[in-house]
Amino acid sequence: MYLERKFNWFKSIAPSLKMLSEADGERTREILETATMKDHHEKQLYQFRQIEDISDKIV
């Protein structure tokens, strides 16, 4: 009886859990993309500063 009630309860909330997990996956993907873009931007900025330093030394 107890297990049957638990099973029915899980069955009733399963669609909500599935929606939540999909939303979390989408949010995780957005966070990773943002972090990757930020990392790429920081690398470009660092490279640009290195080029500036070298050009200052040449001149």
PDB file of N, CA and C in Angstrom:
ATOM      1  N   MET A   1       0.826  -1.193   0.000  1.00  0.00           N
ATOM      2  CA  MET A   1       0.000   0.000   0.000  1.00  0.00           C
ATOM      3  C   MET A   1       0.874   1.262   0.000  1.00  0.00           C
ATOM      4  N   TYR A   2       1.837   1.323   0.906  1.00  0.00           N
ATOM      5  CA  TYR A   2       2.719   2.483   1.007  1.00  0.00           C
ATOM      6  C   TYR A   2       3.499   2.670  -0.297  1.00  0.00           C
ATOM      7  N   LEU A   3       4.071   1.574  -0.806  1.00  0.00           N
ATOM      8  CA  LEU A   3       4.848   1.664  -2.044  1.00  0.00           C
ATOM      9  C   LEU A   3       3.979   2.084  -3.224  1.00  0.00           C
ATOM     10  N   GLU A   4       2.769   1.617  -3.241  1.00  0.00           N
ATOM     11  CA  GLU A   4       1.849   1.983  -4.319  1.00  0.00           C
ATOM     12  C   GLU A   4       1.554   3.491  -4.284  1.00  0.00           C
ATOM     13  N   ARG A   5       1.344   4.022  -3.089  1.00  0.00           N
ATOM     14  CA  ARG A   5       1.101   5.471  -2.957  1.00  0.00           C
ATOM     15  C   ARG A   5       2.328   6.263  -3.391  1.00  0.00           C
ATOM     16  N   LYS A   6       3.516   5.799  -2.963  1.00  0.00           N
ATOM     17  CA  LYS A   6       4.750   6.479  -3.360  1.00  0.00           C
ATOM     18  C   LYS A   6       4.916   6.457  -4.883  1.00  0.00           C
ATOM     19  N   PHE A   7       4.663   5.294  -5.463  1.00  0.00           N
ATOM     20  CA  PHE A   7       4.793   5.163  -6.909  1.00  0.00           C
ATOM     21  C   PHE A   7       3.833   6.117  -7.620  1.00  0.00           C
ATOM     22  N   ASN A   8       2.598   6.180  -7.175  1.00  0.00           N
ATOM     23  CA  ASN A   8       1.614   7.075  -7.788  1.00  0.00           C
ATOM     24  C   ASN A   8       2.018   8.538  -7.619  1.00  0.00           C
ATOM     25  N   TRP A   9       2.599   8.851  -6.461  1.00  0.00           N
ATOM     26  CA  TRP A   9       3.028  10.227  -6.221  1.00  0.00           C
ATOM     27  C   TRP A   9       4.159  10.603  -7.188  1.00  0.00           C
ATOM     28  N   PHE A  10       5.145   9.706  -7.325  1.00  0.00           N
ATOM     29  CA  PHE A  10       6.235   9.971  -8.267  1.00  0.00           C
ATOM     30  C   PHE A  10       5.711  10.073  -9.693  1.00  0.00           C
ATOM     31  N   LYS A  11       4.761   9.197 -10.032  1.00  0.00           N
ATOM     32  CA  LYS A  11       4.173   9.223 -11.364  1.00  0.00           C
ATOM     33  C   LYS A  11       3.459  10.555 -11.614  1.00  0.00           C
ATOM     34  N   SER A  12       2.838  11.106 -10.585  1.00  0.00           N
ATOM     35  CA  SER A  12       2.094  12.359 -10.748  1.00  0.00           C
ATOM     36  C   SER A  12       3.028  13.569 -10.910  1.00  0.00           C
ATOM     37  N   ILE A  13       4.208  13.515 -10.316  1.00  0.00           N
ATOM     38  CA  ILE A  13       5.111  14.672 -10.431  1.00  0.00           C
ATOM     39  C   ILE A  13       6.149  14.505 -11.531  1.00  0.00           C
ATOM     40  N   ALA A  14       6.177  13.346 -12.173  1.00  0.00           N
ATOM     41  CA  ALA A  14       7.187  13.082 -13.206  1.00  0.00           C
ATOM     42  C   ALA A  14       7.210  14.137 -14.316  1.00  0.00           C
ATOM     43  N   PRO A  15       6.066  14.559 -14.875  1.00  0.00           N
ATOM     44  CA  PRO A  15       6.133  15.587 -15.924  1.00  0.00           C
ATOM     45  C   PRO A  15       6.780  16.890 -15.427  1.00  0.00           C
ATOM     46  N   SER A  16       6.500  17.270 -14.198  1.00  0.00           N
ATOM     47  CA  SER A  16       7.100  18.486 -13.646  1.00  0.00           C
ATOM     48  C   SER A  16       8.602  18.318 -13.492  1.00  0.00           C
ATOM     49  N   LEU A  17       9.028  17.169 -13.037  1.00  0.00           N
ATOM     50  CA  LEU A  17      10.461  16.914 -12.884  1.00  0.00           C
ATOM     51  C   LEU A  17      11.159  16.927 -14.234  1.00  0.00           C
ATOM     52  N   LYS A  18      10.491  16.361 -15.249  1.00  0.00           N
ATOM     53  CA  LYS A  18      11.085  16.334 -16.585  1.00  0.00           C
ATOM     54  C   LYS A  18      11.232  17.760 -17.113  1.00  0.00           C
ATOM     55  N   MET A  19      10.218  18.576 -16.951  1.00  0.00           N
ATOM     56  CA  MET A  19      10.286  19.969 -17.397  1.00  0.00           C
ATOM     57  C   MET A  19      11.396  20.706 -16.659  1.00  0.00           C
ATOM     58  N   LEU A  20      11.509  20.481 -15.368  1.00  0.00           N
ATOM     59  CA  LEU A  20      12.532  21.137 -14.566  1.00  0.00           C
ATOM     60  C   LEU A  20      13.927  20.724 -15.024  1.00  0.00           C
ATOM     61  N   SER A  21      14.128  19.442 -15.258  1.00  0.00           N
ATOM     62  CA  SER A  21      15.453  18.979 -15.682  1.00  0.00           C
ATOM     63  C   SER A  21      15.809  19.526 -17.055  1.00  0.00           C
ATOM     64  N   GLU A  22      14.835  19.630 -17.966  1.00  0.00           N
ATOM     65  CA  GLU A  22      15.107  20.199 -19.282  1.00  0.00           C
ATOM     66  C   GLU A  22      15.451  21.677 -19.156  1.00  0.00           C
ATOM     67  N   ALA A  23      14.740  22.384 -18.288  1.00  0.00           N
ATOM     68  CA  ALA A  23      15.026  23.810 -18.085  1.00  0.00           C
ATOM     69  C   ALA A  23      16.420  23.983 -17.492  1.00  0.00           C
ATOM     70  N   ASP A  24      16.779  23.134 -16.554  1.00  0.00           N
ATOM     71  CA  ASP A  24      18.107  23.210 -15.952  1.00  0.00           C
ATOM     72  C   ASP A  24      19.186  22.941 -16.990  1.00  0.00           C
ATOM     73  N   GLY A  25      18.931  21.989 -17.875  1.00  0.00           N
ATOM     74  CA  GLY A  25      19.891  21.674 -18.930  1.00  0.00           C
ATOM     75  C   GLY A  25      20.093  22.861 -19.858  1.00  0.00           C
ATOM     76  N   GLU A  26      18.996  23.524 -20.214  1.00  0.00           N
ATOM     77  CA  GLU A  26      19.078  24.701 -21.081  1.00  0.00           C
ATOM     78  C   GLU A  26      19.839  25.819 -20.384  1.00  0.00           C
ATOM     79  N   ARG A  27      19.564  26.037 -19.120  1.00  0.00           N
ATOM     80  CA  ARG A  27      20.246  27.092 -18.357  1.00  0.00           C
ATOM     81  C   ARG A  27      21.740  26.766 -18.232  1.00  0.00           C
ATOM     82  N   THR A  28      22.044  25.499 -18.003  1.00  0.00           N
ATOM     83  CA  THR A  28      23.445  25.084 -17.899  1.00  0.00           C
ATOM     84  C   THR A  28      24.169  25.363 -19.209  1.00  0.00           C
ATOM     85  N   ARG A  29      23.510  25.060 -20.326  1.00  0.00           N
ATOM     86  CA  ARG A  29      24.113  25.302 -21.637  1.00  0.00           C
ATOM     87  C   ARG A  29      24.366  26.801 -21.835  1.00  0.00           C
ATOM     88  N   GLU A  30      23.409  27.639 -21.436  1.00  0.00           N
ATOM     89  CA  GLU A  30      23.592  29.092 -21.549  1.00  0.00           C
ATOM     90  C   GLU A  30      24.778  29.570 -20.715  1.00  0.00           C
ATOM     91  N   ILE A  31      24.886  29.045 -19.504  1.00  0.00           N
ATOM     92  CA  ILE A  31      25.991  29.437 -18.619  1.00  0.00           C
ATOM     93  C   ILE A  31      27.330  29.032 -19.227  1.00  0.00           C
ATOM     94  N   LEU A  32      27.402  27.811 -19.764  1.00  0.00           N
ATOM     95  CA  LEU A  32      28.655  27.345 -20.368  1.00  0.00           C
ATOM     96  C   LEU A  32      29.019  28.169 -21.596  1.00  0.00           C
ATOM     97  N   GLU A  33      28.019  28.490 -22.425  1.00  0.00           N
ATOM     98  CA  GLU A  33      28.293  29.304 -23.610  1.00  0.00           C
ATOM     99  C   GLU A  33      28.790  30.689 -23.211  1.00  0.00           C
ATOM    100  N   THR A  34      28.157  31.265 -22.201  1.00  0.00           N
ATOM    101  CA  THR A  34      28.573  32.589 -21.730  1.00  0.00           C
ATOM    102  C   THR A  34      29.999  32.541 -21.183  1.00  0.00           C
ATOM    103  N   ALA A  35      30.289  31.524 -20.404  1.00  0.00           N
ATOM    104  CA  ALA A  35      31.631  31.386 -19.825  1.00  0.00           C
ATOM    105  C   ALA A  35      32.669  31.192 -20.927  1.00  0.00           C
ATOM    106  N   THR A  36      32.325  30.413 -21.943  1.00  0.00           N
ATOM    107  CA  THR A  36      33.247  30.182 -23.057  1.00  0.00           C
ATOM    108  C   THR A  36      33.500  31.468 -23.819  1.00  0.00           C
ATOM    109  N   MET A  37      32.430  32.235 -24.083  1.00  0.00           N
ATOM    110  CA  MET A  37      32.591  33.502 -24.787  1.00  0.00           C
ATOM    111  C   MET A  37      33.426  34.468 -23.954  1.00  0.00           C
ATOM    112  N   LYS A  38      33.182  34.504 -22.653  1.00  0.00           N
ATOM    113  CA  LYS A  38      33.946  35.393 -21.775  1.00  0.00           C
ATOM    114  C   LYS A  38      35.421  34.993 -21.782  1.00  0.00           C
ATOM    115  N   ASP A  39      35.680  33.694 -21.685  1.00  0.00           N
ATOM    116  CA  ASP A  39      37.059  33.198 -21.707  1.00  0.00           C
ATOM    117  C   ASP A  39      37.732  33.562 -23.019  1.00  0.00           C
ATOM    118  N   HIS A  40      37.021  33.401 -24.135  1.00  0.00           N
ATOM    119  CA  HIS A  40      37.566  33.737 -25.455  1.00  0.00           C
ATOM    120  C   HIS A  40      37.878  35.234 -25.531  1.00  0.00           C
ATOM    121  N   HIS A  41      36.967  36.045 -25.012  1.00  0.00           N
ATOM    122  CA  HIS A  41      37.168  37.500 -25.020  1.00  0.00           C
ATOM    123  C   HIS A  41      38.390  37.882 -24.183  1.00  0.00           C
ATOM    124  N   GLU A  42      38.534  37.259 -23.021  1.00  0.00           N
ATOM    125  CA  GLU A  42      39.686  37.555 -22.163  1.00  0.00           C
ATOM    126  C   GLU A  42      41.001  37.158 -22.837  1.00  0.00           C
ATOM    127  N   LYS A  43      40.999  36.026 -23.562  1.00  0.00           N
ATOM    128  CA  LYS A  43      42.201  35.603 -24.283  1.00  0.00           C
ATOM    129  C   LYS A  43      42.553  36.609 -25.373  1.00  0.00           C
ATOM    130  N   GLN A  44      41.522  37.077 -26.099  1.00  0.00           N
ATOM    131  CA  GLN A  44      41.775  38.063 -27.149  1.00  0.00           C
ATOM    132  C   GLN A  44      42.334  39.349 -26.549  1.00  0.00           C
ATOM    133  N   LEU A  45      41.757  39.769 -25.428  1.00  0.00           N
ATOM    134  CA  LEU A  45      42.217  40.984 -24.773  1.00  0.00           C
ATOM    135  C   LEU A  45      43.671  40.831 -24.319  1.00  0.00           C
ATOM    136  N   TYR A  46      44.008  39.672 -23.749  1.00  0.00           N
ATOM    137  CA  TYR A  46      45.371  39.399 -23.301  1.00  0.00           C
ATOM    138  C   TYR A  46      46.337  39.431 -24.487  1.00  0.00           C
ATOM    139  N   GLN A  47      45.948  38.796 -25.607  1.00  0.00           N
ATOM    140  CA  GLN A  47      46.797  38.790 -26.791  1.00  0.00           C
ATOM    141  C   GLN A  47      46.985  40.201 -27.333  1.00  0.00           C
ATOM    142  N   PHE A  48      45.919  40.988 -27.328  1.00  0.00           N
ATOM    143  CA  PHE A  48      46.004  42.364 -27.802  1.00  0.00           C
ATOM    144  C   PHE A  48      46.968  43.165 -26.939  1.00  0.00           C
ATOM    145  N   ARG A  49      46.912  42.974 -25.632  1.00  0.00           N
ATOM    146  CA  ARG A  49      47.828  43.687 -24.729  1.00  0.00           C
ATOM    147  C   ARG A  49      49.273  43.263 -24.961  1.00  0.00           C
ATOM    148  N   GLN A  50      49.494  41.984 -25.237  1.00  0.00           N
ATOM    149  CA  GLN A  50      50.850  41.521 -25.531  1.00  0.00           C
ATOM    150  C   GLN A  50      51.374  42.182 -26.802  1.00  0.00           C
ATOM    151  N   ILE A  51      50.525  42.281 -27.809  1.00  0.00           N
ATOM    152  CA  ILE A  51      50.929  42.931 -29.068  1.00  0.00           C
ATOM    153  C   ILE A  51      51.242  44.401 -28.810  1.00  0.00           C
ATOM    154  N   GLU A  52      50.413  45.061 -27.990  1.00  0.00           N
ATOM    155  CA  GLU A  52      50.681  46.465 -27.655  1.00  0.00           C
ATOM    156  C   GLU A  52      52.029  46.608 -26.962  1.00  0.00           C
ATOM    157  N   ASP A  53      52.310  45.712 -26.001  1.00  0.00           N
ATOM    158  CA  ASP A  53      53.587  45.763 -25.283  1.00  0.00           C
ATOM    159  C   ASP A  53      54.761  45.596 -26.239  1.00  0.00           C
ATOM    160  N   ILE A  54      54.657  44.645 -27.158  1.00  0.00           N
ATOM    161  CA  ILE A  54      55.740  44.398 -28.116  1.00  0.00           C
ATOM    162  C   ILE A  54      55.915  45.605 -29.027  1.00  0.00           C
ATOM    163  N   SER A  55      54.813  46.158 -29.497  1.00  0.00           N
ATOM    164  CA  SER A  55      54.923  47.312 -30.400  1.00  0.00           C
ATOM    165  C   SER A  55      55.495  48.524 -29.670  1.00  0.00           C
ATOM    166  N   ASP A  56      55.191  48.685 -28.381  1.00  0.00           N
ATOM    167  CA  ASP A  56      55.785  49.783 -27.603  1.00  0.00           C
ATOM    168  C   ASP A  56      57.296  49.605 -27.474  1.00  0.00           C
ATOM    169  N   LYS A  57      57.743  48.368 -27.327  1.00  0.00           N
ATOM    170  CA  LYS A  57      59.184  48.106 -27.190  1.00  0.00           C
ATOM    171  C   LYS A  57      59.913  48.346 -28.503  1.00  0.00           C
ATOM    172  N   ILE A  58      59.252  48.044 -29.611  1.00  0.00           N
ATOM    173  CA  ILE A  58      59.869  48.228 -30.924  1.00  0.00           C
ATOM    174  C   ILE A  58      60.039  49.714 -31.213  1.00  0.00           C
ATOM    175  N   VAL A  59      59.046  50.496 -30.876  1.00  0.00           N
ATOM    176  CA  VAL A  59      59.078  51.943 -31.145  1.00  0.00           C
ATOM    177  C   VAL A  59      59.861  52.588 -30.057  1.00  0.00           C
TER     178      VAL A  59
END
